[in-house]
Amino acid sequence: QVQLVESGGGLVQAGGSLRLSCAASGRTFSSFATGWFRQGPGKEREFVAGLSVSGVSTYYGSAVKGRFTIARDNAKNMVYLQMNSLKPEDTAVYYCAGDPGRAISTSNSRDYDYWGQGTQVTVSS
C-alpha cells in the first residue's frame, strides 16, 4: 500500500516562498510519475506540476510556470515543490499524487491513483 504525506504548507506574504515536501512509503517515487495539484476555495482541483518516472522531464501548469519548481530526491524518497513569488491566488490545499500507470506525468487528476491528505498554503496580500 502506497502512502503519500505532504508537509511544508503555511501562511506566507505575497512575494514570498515556500517549499512543500511529499514523502512516500510503500513504493519509491522513481517507480511512478508524480504530480502536484491544488484546490482553492470553491474551485476545481488544478494541475500544478508533474515529474516523469525518470525524474528528467518536468511539467507545469500555466498559472505557476516560471515560479514553481518540482524536484525529487531519490536517496530520501521525497518530492518537493519549490514555490517562489507567491500570489494570493496561489492560496489552496496542495496535494501530492502518484500515477503508477505512466512514465510521464499528466495534468488529469483522474490518472492518479495515489493521493496525500493535502497541505494548506495561504498567501496574504
N, C-alpha and C. Protein backbone atom coordinates (compact mmCIF):
# COMPACT_ATOMS: atom_id res chain seq x y z
N GLN A 1 0.85 -1.20 0.00
CA GLN A 1 0.00 0.00 0.00
C GLN A 1 0.89 1.24 0.00
N VAL A 2 0.60 2.15 -0.92
CA VAL A 2 1.39 3.37 -1.05
C VAL A 2 0.72 4.49 -0.27
N GLN A 3 1.51 5.18 0.51
CA GLN A 3 1.02 6.35 1.24
C GLN A 3 1.89 7.56 0.89
N LEU A 4 1.24 8.68 0.65
CA LEU A 4 1.92 9.93 0.39
C LEU A 4 1.55 10.92 1.50
N VAL A 5 2.54 11.61 2.00
CA VAL A 5 2.31 12.57 3.08
C VAL A 5 2.98 13.89 2.73
N GLU A 6 2.17 14.94 2.63
CA GLU A 6 2.69 16.27 2.32
C GLU A 6 3.00 17.03 3.61
N SER A 7 3.92 17.96 3.48
CA SER A 7 4.24 18.87 4.59
C SER A 7 4.81 20.15 4.01
N GLY A 8 4.90 21.16 4.86
CA GLY A 8 5.55 22.40 4.45
C GLY A 8 4.61 23.55 4.15
N GLY A 9 3.32 23.30 4.21
CA GLY A 9 2.39 24.40 3.96
C GLY A 9 2.40 25.41 5.10
N GLY A 10 1.73 26.52 4.87
CA GLY A 10 1.66 27.55 5.90
C GLY A 10 1.16 28.86 5.35
N LEU A 11 1.36 29.90 6.15
CA LEU A 11 0.94 31.25 5.78
C LEU A 11 2.17 32.04 5.35
N VAL A 12 2.08 32.70 4.22
CA VAL A 12 3.20 33.48 3.71
C VAL A 12 2.65 34.74 3.04
N GLN A 13 3.45 35.79 3.06
CA GLN A 13 3.03 37.02 2.38
C GLN A 13 3.26 36.92 0.89
N ALA A 14 2.50 37.68 0.15
CA ALA A 14 2.68 37.73 -1.30
C ALA A 14 4.13 38.10 -1.64
N GLY A 15 4.68 37.40 -2.61
CA GLY A 15 6.06 37.60 -2.99
C GLY A 15 7.03 36.67 -2.29
N GLY A 16 6.54 35.98 -1.28
CA GLY A 16 7.38 35.07 -0.52
C GLY A 16 7.50 33.70 -1.15
N SER A 17 8.16 32.80 -0.43
CA SER A 17 8.43 31.45 -0.93
C SER A 17 8.07 30.40 0.11
N LEU A 18 7.75 29.23 -0.37
CA LEU A 18 7.53 28.06 0.47
C LEU A 18 8.04 26.85 -0.29
N ARG A 19 8.45 25.84 0.46
CA ARG A 19 8.80 24.57 -0.16
C ARG A 19 7.94 23.47 0.45
N LEU A 20 7.18 22.83 -0.41
CA LEU A 20 6.37 21.69 0.03
C LEU A 20 7.15 20.41 -0.17
N SER A 21 6.92 19.47 0.73
CA SER A 21 7.57 18.17 0.63
C SER A 21 6.51 17.07 0.58
N CYS A 22 6.86 16.00 -0.10
CA CYS A 22 5.98 14.83 -0.17
C CYS A 22 6.82 13.60 0.08
N ALA A 23 6.45 12.85 1.11
CA ALA A 23 7.15 11.62 1.44
C ALA A 23 6.30 10.43 1.04
N ALA A 24 6.94 9.40 0.52
CA ALA A 24 6.23 8.20 0.09
C ALA A 24 6.67 7.01 0.91
N SER A 25 5.73 6.15 1.19
CA SER A 25 6.04 4.86 1.81
C SER A 25 5.34 3.78 1.01
N GLY A 26 5.96 2.61 0.95
CA GLY A 26 5.39 1.50 0.23
C GLY A 26 5.88 1.37 -1.19
N ARG A 27 6.47 2.43 -1.71
CA ARG A 27 6.96 2.40 -3.08
C ARG A 27 7.86 3.62 -3.26
N THR A 28 8.81 3.54 -4.17
CA THR A 28 9.70 4.68 -4.40
C THR A 28 9.15 5.58 -5.49
N PHE A 29 9.43 6.88 -5.36
CA PHE A 29 8.99 7.84 -6.35
C PHE A 29 9.58 7.57 -7.73
N SER A 30 10.70 6.89 -7.77
CA SER A 30 11.32 6.60 -9.07
C SER A 30 10.59 5.50 -9.83
N SER A 31 9.52 4.98 -9.27
CA SER A 31 8.76 3.93 -9.94
C SER A 31 7.41 4.40 -10.46
N PHE A 32 7.05 5.66 -10.24
CA PHE A 32 5.79 6.17 -10.78
C PHE A 32 5.88 7.66 -11.04
N ALA A 33 5.06 8.12 -11.98
CA ALA A 33 5.00 9.55 -12.27
C ALA A 33 4.36 10.28 -11.10
N THR A 34 4.81 11.47 -10.86
CA THR A 34 4.36 12.24 -9.70
C THR A 34 3.79 13.58 -10.13
N GLY A 35 2.77 14.01 -9.43
CA GLY A 35 2.20 15.31 -9.72
C GLY A 35 1.85 16.07 -8.45
N TRP A 36 1.83 17.38 -8.56
CA TRP A 36 1.27 18.24 -7.53
C TRP A 36 0.02 18.88 -8.09
N PHE A 37 -1.03 18.86 -7.30
CA PHE A 37 -2.29 19.50 -7.64
C PHE A 37 -2.68 20.44 -6.51
N ARG A 38 -3.59 21.34 -6.80
CA ARG A 38 -4.11 22.21 -5.75
C ARG A 38 -5.59 22.44 -5.95
N GLN A 39 -6.24 22.76 -4.86
CA GLN A 39 -7.67 23.07 -4.91
C GLN A 39 -7.94 24.25 -4.01
N GLY A 40 -8.30 25.36 -4.62
CA GLY A 40 -8.64 26.56 -3.87
C GLY A 40 -10.09 26.56 -3.47
N PRO A 41 -10.48 27.48 -2.59
CA PRO A 41 -11.88 27.55 -2.13
C PRO A 41 -12.83 27.76 -3.29
N GLY A 42 -13.80 26.86 -3.42
CA GLY A 42 -14.80 26.98 -4.47
C GLY A 42 -14.28 26.70 -5.86
N LYS A 43 -13.08 26.13 -5.96
CA LYS A 43 -12.51 25.86 -7.28
C LYS A 43 -12.32 24.37 -7.51
N GLU A 44 -12.15 24.00 -8.77
CA GLU A 44 -11.85 22.61 -9.08
C GLU A 44 -10.36 22.33 -8.83
N ARG A 45 -10.06 21.04 -8.69
CA ARG A 45 -8.67 20.66 -8.50
C ARG A 45 -7.86 21.00 -9.76
N GLU A 46 -6.71 21.59 -9.57
CA GLU A 46 -5.91 22.13 -10.66
C GLU A 46 -4.52 21.50 -10.68
N PHE A 47 -4.05 21.15 -11.87
CA PHE A 47 -2.69 20.63 -12.01
C PHE A 47 -1.69 21.75 -11.79
N VAL A 48 -0.67 21.46 -10.99
CA VAL A 48 0.36 22.44 -10.70
C VAL A 48 1.68 22.07 -11.36
N ALA A 49 2.14 20.84 -11.10
CA ALA A 49 3.43 20.43 -11.63
C ALA A 49 3.49 18.91 -11.69
N GLY A 50 4.35 18.40 -12.59
CA GLY A 50 4.50 16.96 -12.72
C GLY A 50 5.93 16.58 -13.00
N LEU A 51 6.25 15.34 -12.67
CA LEU A 51 7.61 14.84 -12.84
C LEU A 51 7.53 13.42 -13.39
N SER A 52 8.33 13.15 -14.42
CA SER A 52 8.31 11.83 -15.02
C SER A 52 8.99 10.81 -14.12
N VAL A 53 8.81 9.54 -14.44
CA VAL A 53 9.44 8.46 -13.69
C VAL A 53 10.96 8.62 -13.70
N SER A 54 11.50 9.02 -14.82
CA SER A 54 12.95 9.18 -14.93
C SER A 54 13.48 10.32 -14.06
N GLY A 55 12.57 11.24 -13.73
CA GLY A 55 13.00 12.42 -12.98
C GLY A 55 13.58 13.51 -13.84
N VAL A 56 13.59 13.28 -15.14
CA VAL A 56 14.21 14.23 -16.06
C VAL A 56 13.20 15.25 -16.59
N SER A 57 12.01 14.76 -16.93
CA SER A 57 11.01 15.64 -17.55
C SER A 57 10.09 16.24 -16.50
N THR A 58 9.91 17.55 -16.60
CA THR A 58 9.01 18.25 -15.69
C THR A 58 7.92 18.96 -16.49
N TYR A 59 6.80 19.18 -15.83
CA TYR A 59 5.64 19.81 -16.48
C TYR A 59 5.01 20.76 -15.48
N TYR A 60 4.50 21.87 -16.00
CA TYR A 60 3.93 22.88 -15.12
C TYR A 60 2.63 23.43 -15.67
N GLY A 61 1.72 23.75 -14.75
CA GLY A 61 0.52 24.45 -15.16
C GLY A 61 0.86 25.88 -15.54
N SER A 62 0.06 26.46 -16.40
CA SER A 62 0.37 27.79 -16.91
C SER A 62 0.38 28.85 -15.81
N ALA A 63 -0.41 28.62 -14.77
CA ALA A 63 -0.51 29.61 -13.70
C ALA A 63 0.75 29.69 -12.84
N VAL A 64 1.58 28.64 -12.88
CA VAL A 64 2.74 28.60 -11.98
C VAL A 64 4.05 28.52 -12.73
N LYS A 65 4.00 28.36 -14.03
CA LYS A 65 5.22 28.20 -14.80
C LYS A 65 6.15 29.39 -14.61
N GLY A 66 7.42 29.08 -14.33
CA GLY A 66 8.39 30.14 -14.09
C GLY A 66 8.52 30.53 -12.63
N ARG A 67 7.58 30.11 -11.81
CA ARG A 67 7.62 30.44 -10.38
C ARG A 67 7.80 29.21 -9.50
N PHE A 68 7.27 28.08 -9.93
CA PHE A 68 7.33 26.86 -9.14
C PHE A 68 8.30 25.87 -9.80
N THR A 69 8.91 25.03 -8.95
CA THR A 69 9.82 24.01 -9.45
C THR A 69 9.56 22.70 -8.71
N ILE A 70 9.41 21.62 -9.47
CA ILE A 70 9.25 20.30 -8.88
C ILE A 70 10.58 19.57 -8.97
N ALA A 71 10.90 18.83 -7.91
CA ALA A 71 12.17 18.11 -7.89
C ALA A 71 12.02 16.86 -7.02
N ARG A 72 12.96 15.95 -7.19
CA ARG A 72 12.89 14.69 -6.45
C ARG A 72 14.26 14.37 -5.87
N ASP A 73 14.26 13.80 -4.68
CA ASP A 73 15.47 13.31 -4.04
C ASP A 73 15.30 11.80 -3.87
N ASN A 74 15.97 11.02 -4.74
CA ASN A 74 15.78 9.57 -4.71
C ASN A 74 16.32 8.96 -3.41
N ALA A 75 17.40 9.49 -2.91
CA ALA A 75 18.00 8.93 -1.69
C ALA A 75 17.06 9.04 -0.49
N LYS A 76 16.30 10.12 -0.46
CA LYS A 76 15.36 10.34 0.65
C LYS A 76 13.95 9.90 0.30
N ASN A 77 13.74 9.52 -0.96
CA ASN A 77 12.40 9.17 -1.45
C ASN A 77 11.41 10.30 -1.16
N MET A 78 11.79 11.49 -1.59
CA MET A 78 10.98 12.68 -1.38
C MET A 78 10.80 13.42 -2.70
N VAL A 79 9.67 14.08 -2.83
CA VAL A 79 9.42 15.00 -3.93
C VAL A 79 9.11 16.37 -3.34
N TYR A 80 9.61 17.40 -3.97
CA TYR A 80 9.45 18.75 -3.45
C TYR A 80 8.76 19.64 -4.47
N LEU A 81 8.12 20.67 -3.96
CA LEU A 81 7.58 21.72 -4.81
C LEU A 81 8.07 23.04 -4.23
N GLN A 82 9.03 23.64 -4.91
CA GLN A 82 9.54 24.95 -4.51
C GLN A 82 8.66 26.01 -5.14
N MET A 83 8.08 26.86 -4.30
CA MET A 83 7.15 27.87 -4.77
C MET A 83 7.71 29.25 -4.46
N ASN A 84 7.98 30.01 -5.49
CA ASN A 84 8.53 31.36 -5.35
C ASN A 84 7.54 32.39 -5.89
N SER A 85 7.75 33.62 -5.52
CA SER A 85 6.91 34.73 -5.99
C SER A 85 5.44 34.41 -5.80
N LEU A 86 5.11 33.97 -4.63
CA LEU A 86 3.74 33.54 -4.36
C LEU A 86 2.75 34.69 -4.45
N LYS A 87 1.55 34.35 -4.91
CA LYS A 87 0.48 35.32 -5.08
C LYS A 87 -0.73 34.88 -4.26
N PRO A 88 -1.59 35.80 -3.90
CA PRO A 88 -2.80 35.41 -3.15
C PRO A 88 -3.62 34.33 -3.87
N GLU A 89 -3.61 34.35 -5.20
CA GLU A 89 -4.38 33.35 -5.94
C GLU A 89 -3.74 31.95 -5.89
N ASP A 90 -2.56 31.82 -5.30
CA ASP A 90 -1.95 30.51 -5.08
C ASP A 90 -2.50 29.84 -3.83
N THR A 91 -3.31 30.56 -3.08
CA THR A 91 -3.90 30.00 -1.86
C THR A 91 -4.76 28.79 -2.21
N ALA A 92 -4.45 27.66 -1.58
CA ALA A 92 -5.15 26.41 -1.89
C ALA A 92 -4.63 25.31 -0.97
N VAL A 93 -5.32 24.20 -1.01
CA VAL A 93 -4.77 22.97 -0.44
C VAL A 93 -3.98 22.29 -1.55
N TYR A 94 -2.75 21.95 -1.24
CA TYR A 94 -1.86 21.34 -2.23
C TYR A 94 -1.73 19.84 -1.95
N TYR A 95 -1.86 19.06 -3.02
CA TYR A 95 -1.83 17.61 -2.92
C TYR A 95 -0.71 17.03 -3.76
N CYS A 96 -0.06 16.03 -3.19
CA CYS A 96 0.91 15.23 -3.92
C CYS A 96 0.18 14.00 -4.44
N ALA A 97 0.49 13.59 -5.67
CA ALA A 97 -0.21 12.47 -6.27
C ALA A 97 0.75 11.59 -7.07
N GLY A 98 0.41 10.31 -7.18
CA GLY A 98 1.23 9.38 -7.92
C GLY A 98 0.42 8.59 -8.93
N ASP A 99 1.00 8.42 -10.11
CA ASP A 99 0.36 7.67 -11.20
C ASP A 99 1.25 6.49 -11.55
N PRO A 100 0.87 5.29 -11.10
CA PRO A 100 1.73 4.12 -11.36
C PRO A 100 1.61 3.57 -12.77
N GLY A 101 0.68 4.11 -13.55
CA GLY A 101 0.42 3.54 -14.87
C GLY A 101 1.13 4.21 -16.03
N ARG A 102 1.86 5.31 -15.73
CA ARG A 102 2.50 6.05 -16.81
C ARG A 102 3.93 6.43 -16.45
N ALA A 103 4.72 6.61 -17.48
CA ALA A 103 6.11 7.03 -17.26
C ALA A 103 6.22 8.55 -17.18
N ILE A 104 5.25 9.25 -17.74
CA ILE A 104 5.27 10.71 -17.70
C ILE A 104 4.05 11.21 -16.96
N SER A 105 4.17 12.39 -16.40
CA SER A 105 3.09 12.96 -15.63
C SER A 105 2.04 13.57 -16.57
N THR A 106 0.78 13.46 -16.18
CA THR A 106 -0.28 14.12 -16.93
C THR A 106 -0.96 15.16 -16.04
N SER A 107 -1.74 16.00 -16.65
CA SER A 107 -2.45 17.05 -15.91
C SER A 107 -3.84 16.62 -15.47
N ASN A 108 -4.22 15.39 -15.78
CA ASN A 108 -5.56 14.89 -15.45
C ASN A 108 -5.53 14.20 -14.10
N SER A 109 -6.22 14.76 -13.13
CA SER A 109 -6.18 14.19 -11.78
C SER A 109 -6.74 12.76 -11.75
N ARG A 110 -7.59 12.42 -12.69
CA ARG A 110 -8.19 11.07 -12.70
C ARG A 110 -7.17 10.00 -13.08
N ASP A 111 -6.03 10.39 -13.60
CA ASP A 111 -4.99 9.42 -13.94
C ASP A 111 -4.18 8.97 -12.72
N TYR A 112 -4.35 9.65 -11.61
CA TYR A 112 -3.53 9.39 -10.43
C TYR A 112 -4.27 8.51 -9.44
N ASP A 113 -3.56 7.48 -8.96
CA ASP A 113 -4.14 6.54 -8.01
C ASP A 113 -3.77 6.84 -6.57
N TYR A 114 -2.60 7.46 -6.36
CA TYR A 114 -2.12 7.72 -5.01
C TYR A 114 -2.27 9.20 -4.71
N TRP A 115 -2.80 9.49 -3.53
CA TRP A 115 -3.01 10.88 -3.11
C TRP A 115 -2.63 11.06 -1.64
N GLY A 116 -2.01 12.20 -1.37
CA GLY A 116 -1.77 12.57 0.01
C GLY A 116 -3.00 13.25 0.60
N GLN A 117 -2.89 13.64 1.85
CA GLN A 117 -4.02 14.26 2.55
C GLN A 117 -4.10 15.76 2.27
N GLY A 118 -3.05 16.33 1.73
CA GLY A 118 -3.05 17.75 1.40
C GLY A 118 -2.42 18.60 2.48
N THR A 119 -1.88 19.73 2.06
CA THR A 119 -1.32 20.70 2.99
C THR A 119 -1.78 22.09 2.56
N GLN A 120 -2.21 22.90 3.51
CA GLN A 120 -2.77 24.21 3.22
C GLN A 120 -1.67 25.24 2.99
N VAL A 121 -1.82 25.98 1.91
CA VAL A 121 -0.95 27.12 1.63
C VAL A 121 -1.84 28.36 1.54
N THR A 122 -1.52 29.35 2.35
CA THR A 122 -2.27 30.59 2.35
C THR A 122 -1.32 31.75 2.08
N VAL A 123 -1.63 32.53 1.06
CA VAL A 123 -0.80 33.67 0.68
C VAL A 123 -1.59 34.94 0.95
N SER A 124 -1.06 35.76 1.82
CA SER A 124 -1.75 37.01 2.17
C SER A 124 -1.24 38.15 1.30
N SER A 125 -2.13 39.09 1.05
CA SER A 125 -1.77 40.23 0.19
C SER A 125 -1.19 41.39 0.99
